[in-house]
Amino acid sequence: MLATLAIGFAFSTPDPGALRAVLQQVVDQQALAWNASFSLGLVWGAAAEGVAVAGGLSDHATGTVVTPSTRYPLGSATKLHTAIACLQAAERGLLDLDAPIAQYVDPFLKRTNGTTLLELYKHNANISAVTTRQALAMRSGVADYDDTAVQAWSFDRANAGKDLSPYDYLHADDLTPKAFTFAPGDGGAYSSIGYALAGLALAAVHGAKDWFDLDQRLVVPKPLLDSLPGYQFAGRGPCSQYPDVVEQYAVRAAVTQESADWVTVAPVDLTWASCLNGWTFGNLAATPAAVARVVHAAFGSAQPRILSSVSLAQMQTFQPL
């Protein structure tokens, strides 16, 4: 069904009402099949027309259902917005994408954390060569955080009320190894930590007092932002503090093997857990419809775009990992 819809998009302008009805069937079917909520937002055309649908439960304990206004913590979708913010800063002359990122981060770190990147990385000279462009393109060589260690910390109820700040990631060797996968620019490997560095650079060039004072929503022009109530970047504290954020669960252990292809699992309710999720590499909490509007403003046919043609071309220059 989705493939048919994609073909239809290529040759005609969809009727929003008919499209909404079809997509509602899709998300309802998927929610039932997977016992999870699904939400979808689509935007198209110069007029930025769109539809939004949602299906399934938000909270299994109360039976609350999701709506198109329900917000989802979207994890690494945040990286797109951080990258756009860096390109916008470059357009304004605030940030040289090809200068060492330490040039921006070190004075900020020294003032707010009493350290430098070179000290945090145990005087490994590679960190002094990393540029913002390399960090954004996953070509910095900066090692990613240890996912197993971060999950163990995140799911430990003893850490309720606590957050992992970007400084925690940078300071703790057990969370983020200080080795390099390769010399900056000599390869490609996924690294969320590079986007934490990009966030610190943004905080520095925008004059933030501390990392948590960076207004990440500046990436969206105010007229568009004012029309997107479901678009937010989570700060410190649990997701439950934000209205309309979906209930989150983690699958931690299999309980019963029903058959070769059916397993009953024990979900862990994460209401109490931090929503910060790595800050500039993971803290977007939004409706899919709001994200679709922002992505359309960056890459679609609506004018004005939120990036120049030059920046857009740089963003779409692909290099394999």
Protein backbone atom coordinates (compact mmCIF):
# COMPACT_ATOMS: atom_id res chain seq x y z
CA MET A 1 0.00 0.00 0.00
CA LEU A 2 2.79 2.45 0.90
CA ALA A 3 4.59 1.68 -2.36
CA THR A 4 1.41 2.54 -4.27
CA LEU A 5 1.15 5.82 -2.41
CA ALA A 6 4.75 6.69 -3.24
CA ILE A 7 4.06 6.15 -6.95
CA GLY A 8 0.99 8.35 -6.69
CA PHE A 9 3.02 11.15 -5.16
CA ALA A 10 5.39 11.12 -8.11
CA PHE A 11 2.69 11.84 -10.69
CA SER A 12 -0.05 13.87 -8.99
CA THR A 13 -0.91 16.14 -6.10
CA PRO A 14 -2.63 13.97 -3.48
CA ASP A 15 -6.05 14.73 -2.10
CA PRO A 16 -5.37 15.36 1.62
CA GLY A 17 -8.64 13.85 2.82
CA ALA A 18 -8.30 10.66 0.80
CA LEU A 19 -4.63 10.33 1.70
CA ARG A 20 -5.37 10.81 5.39
CA ALA A 21 -8.01 8.07 5.31
CA VAL A 22 -5.66 5.58 3.64
CA LEU A 23 -2.74 6.39 5.95
CA GLN A 24 -4.96 6.10 9.02
CA GLN A 25 -5.71 2.52 8.00
CA VAL A 26 -1.98 1.86 7.64
CA VAL A 27 -1.00 3.15 11.10
CA ASP A 28 -3.97 1.43 12.76
CA GLN A 29 -2.97 -1.89 11.19
CA GLN A 30 0.66 -1.49 12.18
CA ALA A 31 -0.21 -0.46 15.73
CA LEU A 32 -2.32 -3.59 16.11
CA ALA A 33 0.28 -5.86 14.52
CA TRP A 34 3.18 -4.58 16.64
CA ASN A 35 1.34 -3.58 19.83
CA ALA A 36 3.01 -0.17 19.60
CA SER A 37 1.96 3.31 18.60
CA PHE A 38 2.66 4.70 15.14
CA SER A 39 2.55 8.29 13.95
CA LEU A 40 3.12 9.73 10.50
CA GLY A 41 3.38 13.24 9.06
CA LEU A 42 3.72 14.11 5.38
CA VAL A 43 4.28 17.52 3.77
CA TRP A 44 4.51 18.36 0.07
CA GLY A 45 4.45 21.16 -2.49
CA ALA A 46 5.26 24.84 -2.49
CA ALA A 47 2.26 25.52 -0.24
CA ALA A 48 3.53 22.97 2.31
CA GLU A 49 0.28 21.02 2.38
CA GLY A 50 0.29 18.09 4.75
CA VAL A 51 -1.51 15.33 6.58
CA ALA A 52 -0.91 13.75 9.97
CA VAL A 53 -2.22 10.47 11.36
CA ALA A 54 -1.58 8.39 14.47
CA GLY A 55 -2.69 5.05 15.84
CA GLY A 56 -2.17 2.87 18.90
CA LEU A 57 -1.74 3.41 22.62
CA SER A 58 0.33 6.07 24.29
CA ASP A 59 0.09 4.54 27.76
CA HIS A 60 -0.72 0.86 28.18
CA ALA A 61 -1.49 1.31 31.88
CA THR A 62 -4.23 3.89 31.32
CA GLY A 63 -5.29 2.98 27.79
CA THR A 64 -4.53 6.48 26.51
CA VAL A 65 -4.34 6.58 22.71
CA VAL A 66 -1.97 8.64 20.58
CA THR A 67 -3.16 11.48 18.36
CA PRO A 68 -1.35 13.52 15.68
CA SER A 69 -0.54 15.97 18.53
CA THR A 70 1.34 13.32 20.52
CA ARG A 71 5.06 14.03 20.65
CA TYR A 72 7.76 11.38 20.36
CA PRO A 73 11.35 11.52 21.65
CA LEU A 74 13.07 11.15 18.29
CA GLY A 75 16.68 10.45 19.22
CA SER A 76 19.16 10.87 16.40
CA ALA A 77 16.69 12.79 14.22
CA THR A 78 18.08 15.63 16.36
CA LYS A 79 21.35 15.40 14.41
CA LEU A 80 19.72 16.76 11.26
CA HIS A 81 18.66 19.87 13.16
CA THR A 82 22.09 20.30 14.78
CA ALA A 83 23.73 20.07 11.36
CA ILE A 84 21.33 22.66 9.92
CA ALA A 85 22.07 24.97 12.87
CA CYS A 86 25.82 24.71 12.19
CA LEU A 87 25.35 25.51 8.51
CA GLN A 88 23.16 28.48 9.41
CA ALA A 89 25.88 29.71 11.78
CA ALA A 90 28.41 29.34 8.97
CA GLU A 91 26.16 31.36 6.64
CA ARG A 92 26.13 34.16 9.22
CA GLY A 93 29.92 34.10 9.55
CA LEU A 94 29.78 32.84 13.13
CA LEU A 95 31.35 29.45 12.45
CA ASP A 96 34.05 28.29 10.04
CA LEU A 97 33.15 24.68 9.26
CA ASP A 98 36.73 23.88 8.28
CA ALA A 99 38.46 25.43 11.29
CA PRO A 100 39.36 23.18 14.25
CA ILE A 101 36.25 22.82 16.37
CA ALA A 102 38.42 23.25 19.48
CA GLN A 103 38.85 26.87 18.41
CA TYR A 104 35.21 27.44 19.44
CA VAL A 105 34.73 24.77 22.08
CA ASP A 106 37.85 25.30 24.22
CA PRO A 107 37.14 28.85 25.44
CA PHE A 108 33.56 27.79 26.20
CA LEU A 109 34.67 24.62 28.00
CA LYS A 110 37.33 26.49 29.96
CA ARG A 111 34.76 29.01 31.18
CA THR A 112 31.96 26.55 31.98
CA ASN A 113 33.84 23.36 32.86
CA GLY A 114 37.42 24.33 33.64
CA THR A 115 38.94 22.10 30.98
CA THR A 116 39.80 21.84 27.27
CA LEU A 117 39.24 19.19 24.63
CA LEU A 118 42.95 18.41 24.57
CA GLU A 119 42.88 17.73 28.32
CA LEU A 120 39.70 15.64 28.07
CA TYR A 121 41.27 13.58 25.27
CA LYS A 122 44.45 12.98 27.27
CA HIS A 123 46.57 15.20 25.02
CA ASN A 124 45.78 13.21 21.89
CA ALA A 125 46.62 15.76 19.19
CA ASN A 126 43.90 14.37 16.89
CA ILE A 127 41.23 16.23 18.85
CA SER A 128 42.90 19.53 18.00
CA ALA A 129 42.60 18.76 14.28
CA VAL A 130 38.89 17.85 14.19
CA THR A 131 36.76 20.34 12.26
CA THR A 132 33.03 21.01 12.61
CA ARG A 133 32.47 19.74 9.08
CA GLN A 134 34.19 16.44 9.94
CA ALA A 135 32.13 16.08 13.10
CA LEU A 136 28.88 16.65 11.18
CA ALA A 137 29.87 14.28 8.35
CA MET A 138 30.92 11.46 10.70
CA ARG A 139 34.52 11.81 9.50
CA SER A 140 36.15 13.12 12.66
CA GLY A 141 37.47 9.79 13.95
CA VAL A 142 36.10 10.68 17.40
CA ALA A 143 35.05 7.42 19.07
CA ASP A 144 31.33 7.07 19.78
CA TYR A 145 29.99 6.49 23.26
CA ASP A 146 29.73 2.95 24.61
CA ASP A 147 26.09 2.08 23.94
CA THR A 148 26.02 -0.80 26.42
CA ALA A 149 27.35 1.40 29.22
CA VAL A 150 24.93 4.22 28.44
CA GLN A 151 21.95 1.85 28.31
CA ALA A 152 22.95 0.31 31.63
CA TRP A 153 23.11 3.77 33.20
CA SER A 154 19.88 4.94 31.57
CA PHE A 155 17.79 1.95 32.67
CA ASP A 156 19.08 1.92 36.26
CA ARG A 157 16.37 3.24 38.59
CA ALA A 158 19.10 4.46 40.92
CA ASN A 159 19.68 7.20 38.31
CA ALA A 160 16.10 8.49 38.43
CA GLY A 161 16.21 12.27 38.50
CA LYS A 162 19.68 12.35 36.95
CA ASP A 163 20.84 13.21 33.42
CA LEU A 164 23.89 12.47 31.33
CA SER A 165 25.06 15.92 30.26
CA PRO A 166 27.46 16.47 27.35
CA TYR A 167 30.15 17.01 29.98
CA ASP A 168 29.37 13.62 31.52
CA TYR A 169 29.88 11.97 28.14
CA LEU A 170 33.16 13.80 27.60
CA HIS A 171 34.58 13.24 31.07
CA ALA A 172 33.67 9.60 31.72
CA ASP A 173 36.09 7.21 30.02
CA ASP A 174 33.75 4.28 30.68
CA LEU A 175 30.99 6.05 28.70
CA THR A 176 33.10 7.55 25.92
CA PRO A 177 36.49 6.07 24.98
CA LYS A 178 39.05 8.75 24.22
CA ALA A 179 40.70 6.81 21.42
CA PHE A 180 40.30 7.74 17.75
CA THR A 181 38.93 5.32 15.15
CA PHE A 182 41.16 7.02 12.55
CA ALA A 183 42.90 10.35 12.04
CA PRO A 184 40.40 13.19 11.42
CA GLY A 185 39.28 13.14 7.79
CA ASP A 186 40.87 9.79 7.00
CA GLY A 187 37.70 7.69 7.15
CA GLY A 188 34.07 7.57 8.17
CA ALA A 189 32.45 6.11 11.28
CA TYR A 190 29.26 7.01 13.12
CA SER A 191 29.83 9.14 16.20
CA SER A 192 27.17 10.89 18.24
CA ILE A 193 29.93 12.46 20.32
CA GLY A 194 30.91 14.55 17.29
CA TYR A 195 27.45 16.09 17.50
CA ALA A 196 27.94 16.87 21.19
CA LEU A 197 31.06 18.79 20.15
CA ALA A 198 29.03 20.55 17.45
CA GLY A 199 26.48 21.50 20.11
CA LEU A 200 29.19 23.03 22.28
CA ALA A 201 30.47 24.97 19.27
CA LEU A 202 26.95 26.29 18.65
CA ALA A 203 26.58 27.27 22.30
CA ALA A 204 29.88 29.14 22.07
CA VAL A 205 29.17 31.08 18.87
CA HIS A 206 25.63 31.97 19.99
CA GLY A 207 26.88 33.36 23.29
CA ALA A 208 25.14 30.85 25.58
CA LYS A 209 26.07 31.09 29.25
CA ASP A 210 26.26 27.29 29.55
CA TRP A 211 25.47 24.30 27.36
CA PHE A 212 21.86 24.05 28.57
CA ASP A 213 21.22 27.69 27.62
CA LEU A 214 21.58 27.02 23.88
CA ASP A 215 18.19 27.61 22.24
CA GLN A 216 18.10 24.72 19.76
CA ARG A 217 14.81 25.94 18.30
CA LEU A 218 16.66 28.86 16.70
CA VAL A 219 17.19 26.49 13.77
CA VAL A 220 13.59 27.17 12.69
CA PRO A 221 12.53 30.65 11.51
CA LYS A 222 10.08 32.21 13.97
CA PRO A 223 7.06 32.33 11.61
CA LEU A 224 7.38 28.59 11.00
CA LEU A 225 8.21 27.84 14.64
CA ASP A 226 5.09 29.68 15.80
CA SER A 227 3.00 27.27 13.71
CA LEU A 228 4.64 24.17 15.23
CA PRO A 229 3.43 23.66 18.80
CA GLY A 230 4.61 20.06 18.66
CA TYR A 231 8.29 20.93 18.15
CA GLN A 232 10.56 20.96 21.18
CA PHE A 233 14.03 20.00 22.36
CA ALA A 234 14.00 18.30 25.74
CA GLY A 235 16.18 19.63 28.52
CA ARG A 236 17.17 18.03 31.78
CA GLY A 237 14.67 15.84 33.60
CA PRO A 238 12.18 13.13 32.57
CA CYS A 239 10.08 13.16 29.41
CA SER A 240 6.97 13.04 31.61
CA GLN A 241 7.45 16.73 32.44
CA TYR A 242 6.50 17.64 28.87
CA PRO A 243 2.82 17.60 27.85
CA ASP A 244 1.70 15.24 25.10
CA VAL A 245 4.91 13.17 25.07
CA VAL A 246 4.22 9.50 24.41
CA GLU A 247 4.84 6.99 27.17
CA GLN A 248 8.10 5.14 26.55
CA TYR A 249 8.98 1.52 27.18
CA ALA A 250 12.17 -0.50 26.89
CA VAL A 251 12.21 -4.21 26.15
CA ARG A 252 14.67 -5.65 28.62
CA ALA A 253 14.02 -9.40 28.86
CA ALA A 254 12.09 -12.19 27.18
CA VAL A 255 9.57 -13.82 29.50
CA THR A 256 8.01 -16.59 27.45
CA GLN A 257 8.93 -18.15 24.13
CA GLU A 258 5.43 -18.79 22.77
CA SER A 259 6.59 -20.25 19.47
CA ALA A 260 9.36 -19.98 16.94
CA ASP A 261 8.21 -16.48 15.97
CA TRP A 262 6.28 -15.21 19.01
CA VAL A 263 7.85 -14.02 22.25
CA THR A 264 6.16 -12.38 25.23
CA VAL A 265 8.48 -9.76 26.73
CA ALA A 266 8.59 -7.68 29.89
CA PRO A 267 8.58 -3.97 29.00
CA VAL A 268 10.12 -1.43 31.35
CA ASP A 269 8.18 1.81 31.76
CA LEU A 270 10.64 4.69 31.34
CA THR A 271 8.42 7.50 32.66
CA TRP A 272 11.07 8.35 35.26
CA ALA A 273 14.05 8.36 32.87
CA SER A 274 15.90 11.40 31.51
CA CYS A 275 14.68 12.92 28.26
CA LEU A 276 17.97 14.73 27.53
CA ASN A 277 19.25 11.77 25.51
CA GLY A 278 22.63 13.20 24.62
CA TRP A 279 21.50 16.81 24.08
CA THR A 280 22.34 17.95 20.53
CA PHE A 281 22.62 14.39 19.28
CA GLY A 282 19.33 13.06 20.63
CA ASN A 283 16.91 15.37 22.47
CA LEU A 284 14.29 16.33 19.88
CA ALA A 285 10.75 15.60 21.12
CA ALA A 286 8.20 16.43 18.46
CA THR A 287 5.25 15.31 16.38
CA PRO A 288 6.15 13.72 13.06
CA ALA A 289 4.04 16.39 11.35
CA ALA A 290 6.17 19.15 12.88
CA VAL A 291 9.40 17.42 11.87
CA ALA A 292 8.06 16.95 8.34
CA ARG A 293 7.38 20.70 8.12
CA VAL A 294 10.93 21.54 9.20
CA VAL A 295 12.52 19.00 6.85
CA HIS A 296 10.35 20.31 4.01
CA ALA A 297 11.52 23.85 4.79
CA ALA A 298 15.11 22.61 4.52
CA PHE A 299 14.88 20.32 1.49
CA GLY A 300 11.46 20.82 -0.12
CA SER A 301 10.01 23.22 -2.66
CA ALA A 302 8.56 25.78 -0.23
CA GLN A 303 10.18 29.20 -0.14
CA PRO A 304 12.03 30.64 1.61
CA ARG A 305 14.17 27.67 2.55
CA ILE A 306 15.87 27.66 5.91
CA LEU A 307 19.24 27.00 4.24
CA SER A 308 20.93 28.63 1.26
CA SER A 309 21.46 26.63 -1.91
CA VAL A 310 25.19 26.52 -1.15
CA SER A 311 24.62 25.08 2.32
CA LEU A 312 22.05 22.63 1.00
CA ALA A 313 24.52 21.36 -1.59
CA GLN A 314 27.14 20.86 1.14
CA MET A 315 24.64 19.00 3.28
CA GLN A 316 23.75 16.67 0.42
CA THR A 317 27.34 15.83 -0.51
CA PHE A 318 27.45 12.14 0.33
CA GLN A 319 30.50 10.30 1.57
CA PRO A 320 30.13 6.65 2.56
CA LEU A 321 31.21 5.59 6.04
